[in-house]
Amino acid sequence: MKNIFTRALSGSIYVALIVAALLLPSPYMFIGLFALFIVLGTVELHHLVDNKASVIANKRTAIALDCIGGLALFTTFWGLNFNPSGSVTQVAIAAYLLYFALRMILQLYMKSDNALQSLADSALTQVYVALPLSLLNILYDEGVLLAIFILIWLNDTGAFCVGSMLGKHRLFERISPKKSWEGFWGGMAFCIIAGVVFYFCGGTFGNLKLAEWIMLGICVSAFSTWGDLAESLLKRTLKVKDSGHLIPGHGGILDRIDSLLLVSPTSVIFFILIELF
């Protein structure tokens, strides 16, 4: 019972922070919160792939540099969307390019048994954590980011509820034995219904057509599930249960944003296609 209460409380705080960041008229809480997620996710991913204290101690400078690189990438996308010609944008772009050069140079001076693995770990933090979270700036500009988060949460809720009651056919037993096809379709049904509701909210969550809301619901549901499975694959490969212990009852920050890390880039693609066609 205590664990359920702890999980509910920490989950509620997480959701409240995101909702507040997206509803407040000022963008500074959004910037601060997701910049923090980049730093936490980068550090956590390094600790996940290199769980030996001696290795982490040797990579502290690289980890700090990867965090700075991720923040520079986030700032770059923010600037490109809201102030393309501003000095902050140009400095951020220069900082991110400098990060690449410095990270390679730093490797020359690191005492690492496997330099390629060390560089690959850093690249993974940028591709898997920093880039998807930076792309949220584009979705923030579209005005539908809160709806996307709600769709992710509803997909999780629908998959759990339907899967718990009706789940018999395993979705991806090799990676996640508990997920079922029934749960998958239940989560998608929740997202489609939510998309219809968003349409009838009259622009509160974004100005999309009914068919576009339904397609977005399907897109978020599918890639949310794949995002969860991708992180499960990472953890199963490393033989760990949770990505970390940051959030009581939930594990690490990557355990909370795993779905988002694939939903973010595919949602950007979705809006690009809408504009093109």
Protein backbone atom coordinates (compact mmCIF):
# COMPACT_ATOMS: atom_id res chain seq x y z
CA MET A 1 0.00 0.00 0.00
CA LYS A 2 2.85 2.39 0.87
CA ASN A 3 4.49 1.73 -2.51
CA ILE A 4 1.23 2.45 -4.34
CA PHE A 5 0.84 5.74 -2.45
CA THR A 6 4.46 6.70 -3.16
CA ARG A 7 4.08 5.86 -6.85
CA ALA A 8 0.82 7.84 -7.11
CA LEU A 9 2.29 10.86 -5.32
CA SER A 10 5.49 11.04 -7.34
CA GLY A 11 3.57 10.43 -10.57
CA SER A 12 1.13 13.23 -9.72
CA ILE A 13 3.98 15.65 -9.05
CA TYR A 14 5.59 14.72 -12.38
CA VAL A 15 2.34 15.29 -14.28
CA ALA A 16 1.60 18.55 -12.41
CA LEU A 17 5.04 19.96 -13.29
CA ILE A 18 4.57 19.21 -16.98
CA VAL A 19 1.03 20.59 -17.10
CA ALA A 20 2.13 23.77 -15.31
CA ALA A 21 5.09 24.17 -17.67
CA LEU A 22 2.80 23.93 -20.70
CA LEU A 23 -0.07 26.07 -19.40
CA LEU A 24 1.85 28.99 -17.92
CA PRO A 25 1.95 31.96 -20.32
CA SER A 26 5.69 32.38 -19.82
CA PRO A 27 7.89 29.74 -21.51
CA TYR A 28 10.57 29.82 -18.82
CA MET A 29 9.21 26.89 -16.78
CA PHE A 30 8.96 24.82 -19.97
CA ILE A 31 12.56 25.68 -20.84
CA GLY A 32 13.82 24.99 -17.33
CA LEU A 33 11.92 21.73 -16.84
CA PHE A 34 12.92 20.07 -20.09
CA ALA A 35 16.47 21.38 -19.88
CA LEU A 36 16.57 19.65 -16.49
CA PHE A 37 15.22 16.46 -18.09
CA ILE A 38 18.08 16.59 -20.62
CA VAL A 39 20.68 16.85 -17.86
CA LEU A 40 19.06 14.13 -15.72
CA GLY A 41 18.55 11.83 -18.70
CA THR A 42 22.13 12.30 -19.91
CA VAL A 43 23.62 11.53 -16.51
CA GLU A 44 21.28 8.59 -15.97
CA LEU A 45 22.05 7.07 -19.37
CA HIS A 46 25.78 7.24 -18.68
CA HIS A 47 25.30 5.55 -15.29
CA LEU A 48 23.07 2.96 -16.94
CA VAL A 49 25.54 1.90 -19.63
CA ASP A 50 28.58 2.25 -17.33
CA ASN A 51 27.47 1.12 -13.90
CA LYS A 52 30.96 0.85 -12.40
CA ALA A 53 31.87 3.74 -10.11
CA SER A 54 35.47 3.77 -11.35
CA VAL A 55 34.35 4.15 -14.97
CA ILE A 56 31.92 6.96 -14.10
CA ALA A 57 34.60 8.80 -12.13
CA ASN A 58 36.87 8.69 -15.18
CA LYS A 59 34.07 10.01 -17.41
CA ARG A 60 32.84 12.90 -15.27
CA THR A 61 34.24 15.54 -17.61
CA ALA A 62 32.71 13.77 -20.62
CA ILE A 63 29.34 13.53 -18.86
CA ALA A 64 29.44 17.24 -18.00
CA LEU A 65 30.34 18.05 -21.59
CA ASP A 66 27.49 15.88 -22.90
CA CYS A 67 25.07 17.75 -20.61
CA ILE A 68 26.32 21.08 -21.95
CA GLY A 69 26.00 19.78 -25.51
CA GLY A 70 22.42 18.67 -24.86
CA LEU A 71 21.52 22.06 -23.40
CA ALA A 72 23.11 23.81 -26.38
CA LEU A 73 21.03 21.65 -28.73
CA PHE A 74 17.84 22.45 -26.80
CA THR A 75 18.66 26.18 -26.92
CA THR A 76 19.39 25.92 -30.65
CA PHE A 77 15.95 24.47 -31.40
CA TRP A 78 14.28 27.03 -29.18
CA GLY A 79 16.05 29.85 -30.99
CA LEU A 80 15.40 28.45 -34.45
CA ASN A 81 11.67 28.41 -33.70
CA PHE A 82 11.25 31.70 -31.88
CA ASN A 83 14.23 33.93 -32.70
CA PRO A 84 16.12 32.51 -35.72
CA SER A 85 18.35 35.52 -36.27
CA GLY A 86 18.96 36.32 -32.60
CA SER A 87 22.38 36.28 -31.00
CA VAL A 88 21.34 33.59 -28.49
CA THR A 89 20.48 31.23 -31.37
CA GLN A 90 23.77 31.81 -33.13
CA VAL A 91 25.76 31.34 -29.92
CA ALA A 92 23.85 28.10 -29.20
CA ILE A 93 24.60 26.74 -32.67
CA ALA A 94 28.28 27.64 -32.29
CA ALA A 95 28.33 26.06 -28.83
CA TYR A 96 26.89 22.80 -30.13
CA LEU A 97 29.38 22.62 -32.99
CA LEU A 98 32.16 23.32 -30.50
CA TYR A 99 30.83 20.52 -28.30
CA PHE A 100 31.45 17.98 -31.07
CA ALA A 101 35.04 19.14 -31.51
CA LEU A 102 35.76 19.23 -27.77
CA ARG A 103 34.23 15.81 -27.16
CA MET A 104 36.57 14.22 -29.70
CA ILE A 105 39.57 16.10 -28.31
CA LEU A 106 38.66 15.14 -24.73
CA GLN A 107 38.71 11.46 -25.69
CA LEU A 108 42.40 11.78 -26.52
CA TYR A 109 43.14 12.56 -22.87
CA MET A 110 40.74 10.11 -21.23
CA LYS A 111 42.07 6.87 -19.77
CA SER A 112 39.58 4.59 -21.44
CA ASP A 113 40.00 0.94 -22.37
CA ASN A 114 37.48 1.39 -25.16
CA ALA A 115 37.50 4.85 -26.69
CA LEU A 116 34.93 3.90 -29.33
CA GLN A 117 32.48 2.74 -26.65
CA SER A 118 32.99 5.96 -24.70
CA LEU A 119 32.28 8.08 -27.77
CA ALA A 120 29.29 5.91 -28.65
CA ASP A 121 27.85 6.46 -25.16
CA SER A 122 28.12 10.22 -25.63
CA ALA A 123 26.53 10.04 -29.07
CA LEU A 124 23.65 8.01 -27.62
CA THR A 125 22.92 10.73 -25.04
CA GLN A 126 22.58 13.26 -27.84
CA VAL A 127 20.49 11.12 -30.20
CA TYR A 128 18.31 9.31 -27.65
CA VAL A 129 17.84 12.02 -25.00
CA ALA A 130 18.85 15.53 -26.08
CA LEU A 131 17.48 15.53 -29.64
CA PRO A 132 13.91 14.28 -28.89
CA LEU A 133 13.56 16.66 -25.93
CA SER A 134 14.91 19.54 -28.03
CA LEU A 135 12.31 18.81 -30.73
CA LEU A 136 9.59 19.58 -28.17
CA ASN A 137 10.27 23.25 -28.95
CA ILE A 138 8.70 22.71 -32.37
CA LEU A 139 5.64 21.03 -30.85
CA TYR A 140 5.39 23.79 -28.24
CA ASP A 141 5.18 26.24 -31.12
CA GLU A 142 2.34 24.20 -32.66
CA GLY A 143 0.32 24.55 -29.44
CA VAL A 144 -0.58 20.87 -29.15
CA LEU A 145 2.14 19.68 -26.80
CA LEU A 146 -0.19 19.31 -23.81
CA ALA A 147 -2.54 17.20 -25.94
CA ILE A 148 0.38 14.96 -26.95
CA PHE A 149 1.34 14.41 -23.31
CA ILE A 150 -2.28 13.60 -22.45
CA LEU A 151 -2.38 11.10 -25.33
CA ILE A 152 0.79 9.42 -24.03
CA TRP A 153 -0.66 9.15 -20.52
CA LEU A 154 -4.00 7.88 -21.83
CA ASN A 155 -2.24 5.29 -23.96
CA ASP A 156 -0.42 3.99 -20.88
CA THR A 157 -3.65 3.99 -18.88
CA GLY A 158 -5.71 2.30 -21.58
CA ALA A 159 -3.05 -0.33 -22.25
CA PHE A 160 -2.77 -1.14 -18.55
CA CYS A 161 -6.51 -1.29 -17.88
CA VAL A 162 -7.48 -3.30 -20.96
CA GLY A 163 -4.37 -5.46 -20.79
CA SER A 164 -4.97 -6.30 -17.13
CA MET A 165 -8.56 -7.34 -17.79
CA LEU A 166 -8.38 -8.94 -21.23
CA GLY A 167 -4.72 -9.44 -22.08
CA LYS A 168 -3.99 -12.94 -23.42
CA HIS A 169 -1.86 -12.53 -26.54
CA ARG A 170 1.68 -11.28 -25.90
CA LEU A 171 2.70 -8.20 -27.88
CA PHE A 172 6.48 -8.52 -27.61
CA GLU A 173 7.27 -11.30 -25.17
CA ARG A 174 11.02 -11.30 -25.87
CA ILE A 175 11.34 -7.74 -24.55
CA SER A 176 8.28 -7.05 -22.39
CA PRO A 177 6.42 -10.22 -21.29
CA LYS A 178 3.55 -8.31 -19.66
CA LYS A 179 2.45 -6.29 -22.69
CA SER A 180 -0.43 -7.71 -24.70
CA TRP A 181 -2.07 -7.00 -28.04
CA GLU A 182 -5.33 -6.39 -26.20
CA GLY A 183 -3.61 -3.73 -24.10
CA PHE A 184 -2.07 -2.18 -27.21
CA TRP A 185 -5.44 -1.82 -28.95
CA GLY A 186 -7.01 -0.60 -25.70
CA GLY A 187 -4.44 2.16 -25.42
CA MET A 188 -4.98 3.14 -29.05
CA ALA A 189 -8.76 3.25 -28.53
CA PHE A 190 -8.27 5.63 -25.60
CA CYS A 191 -6.09 7.86 -27.80
CA ILE A 192 -8.55 7.91 -30.70
CA ILE A 193 -11.42 8.81 -28.37
CA ALA A 194 -9.27 11.55 -26.81
CA GLY A 195 -8.47 12.89 -30.29
CA VAL A 196 -12.19 13.21 -31.02
CA VAL A 197 -12.70 14.98 -27.68
CA PHE A 198 -9.83 17.39 -28.43
CA TYR A 199 -11.46 18.27 -31.75
CA PHE A 200 -14.75 19.17 -30.07
CA CYS A 201 -12.91 21.29 -27.48
CA GLY A 202 -12.87 24.01 -30.14
CA GLY A 203 -9.18 24.84 -30.43
CA THR A 204 -8.33 24.56 -26.74
CA PHE A 205 -5.66 21.94 -27.49
CA GLY A 206 -4.81 22.97 -31.05
CA ASN A 207 -6.52 23.68 -34.37
CA LEU A 208 -6.54 20.32 -36.12
CA LYS A 209 -9.22 18.72 -38.24
CA LEU A 210 -11.08 15.71 -36.86
CA ALA A 211 -9.24 13.27 -39.14
CA GLU A 212 -5.90 14.84 -38.14
CA TRP A 213 -6.68 14.46 -34.43
CA ILE A 214 -7.55 10.80 -34.97
CA MET A 215 -4.35 10.21 -36.97
CA LEU A 216 -2.31 11.98 -34.28
CA GLY A 217 -3.90 9.75 -31.64
CA ILE A 218 -2.96 6.63 -33.62
CA CYS A 219 0.57 7.95 -34.21
CA VAL A 220 1.15 8.80 -30.54
CA SER A 221 -0.26 5.46 -29.38
CA ALA A 222 1.93 3.40 -31.71
CA PHE A 223 5.18 5.25 -31.12
CA SER A 224 4.52 5.59 -27.41
CA THR A 225 4.40 1.79 -27.24
CA TRP A 226 7.53 1.44 -29.36
CA GLY A 227 9.30 4.01 -27.19
CA ASP A 228 8.48 2.00 -24.09
CA LEU A 229 9.70 -1.19 -25.78
CA ALA A 230 12.92 0.48 -26.96
CA GLU A 231 13.82 1.47 -23.40
CA SER A 232 12.85 -2.00 -22.18
CA LEU A 233 15.24 -3.44 -24.76
CA LEU A 234 18.02 -1.20 -23.43
CA LYS A 235 17.36 -2.27 -19.83
CA ARG A 236 17.02 -5.95 -20.73
CA THR A 237 20.32 -5.80 -22.61
CA LEU A 238 21.99 -4.25 -19.55
CA LYS A 239 20.12 -6.63 -17.19
CA VAL A 240 18.56 -3.92 -15.01
CA LYS A 241 14.96 -3.45 -13.86
CA ASP A 242 14.84 0.37 -13.82
CA SER A 243 16.93 3.01 -15.54
CA GLY A 244 17.56 4.69 -12.18
CA HIS A 245 16.09 5.52 -8.78
CA LEU A 246 15.32 9.22 -9.15
CA ILE A 247 11.51 9.02 -9.01
CA PRO A 248 10.13 6.99 -6.07
CA GLY A 249 7.95 4.14 -7.28
CA HIS A 250 8.74 4.79 -10.95
CA GLY A 251 12.48 4.30 -11.36
CA GLY A 252 14.56 6.80 -13.28
CA ILE A 253 13.76 9.77 -15.49
CA LEU A 254 14.18 7.60 -18.61
CA ASP A 255 11.49 5.27 -17.27
CA ARG A 256 9.10 8.23 -17.26
CA ILE A 257 9.99 9.79 -20.63
CA ASP A 258 10.72 6.63 -22.64
CA SER A 259 7.52 6.94 -24.69
CA LEU A 260 8.11 10.65 -25.28
CA LEU A 261 11.54 10.00 -26.78
CA LEU A 262 9.97 8.39 -29.86
CA VAL A 263 6.69 10.30 -29.85
CA SER A 264 8.48 13.65 -30.06
CA PRO A 265 10.32 13.17 -33.39
CA THR A 266 7.44 11.30 -35.03
CA SER A 267 4.96 14.00 -33.98
CA VAL A 268 7.22 16.60 -35.60
CA ILE A 269 7.18 14.50 -38.78
CA PHE A 270 3.38 14.33 -38.51
CA PHE A 271 3.07 18.13 -38.49
CA ILE A 272 5.56 18.51 -41.33
CA LEU A 273 3.44 16.14 -43.44
CA ILE A 274 0.28 18.07 -42.57
CA GLU A 275 1.85 21.30 -43.79
CA LEU A 276 3.15 19.65 -46.97
CA PHE A 277 -0.15 18.01 -47.91
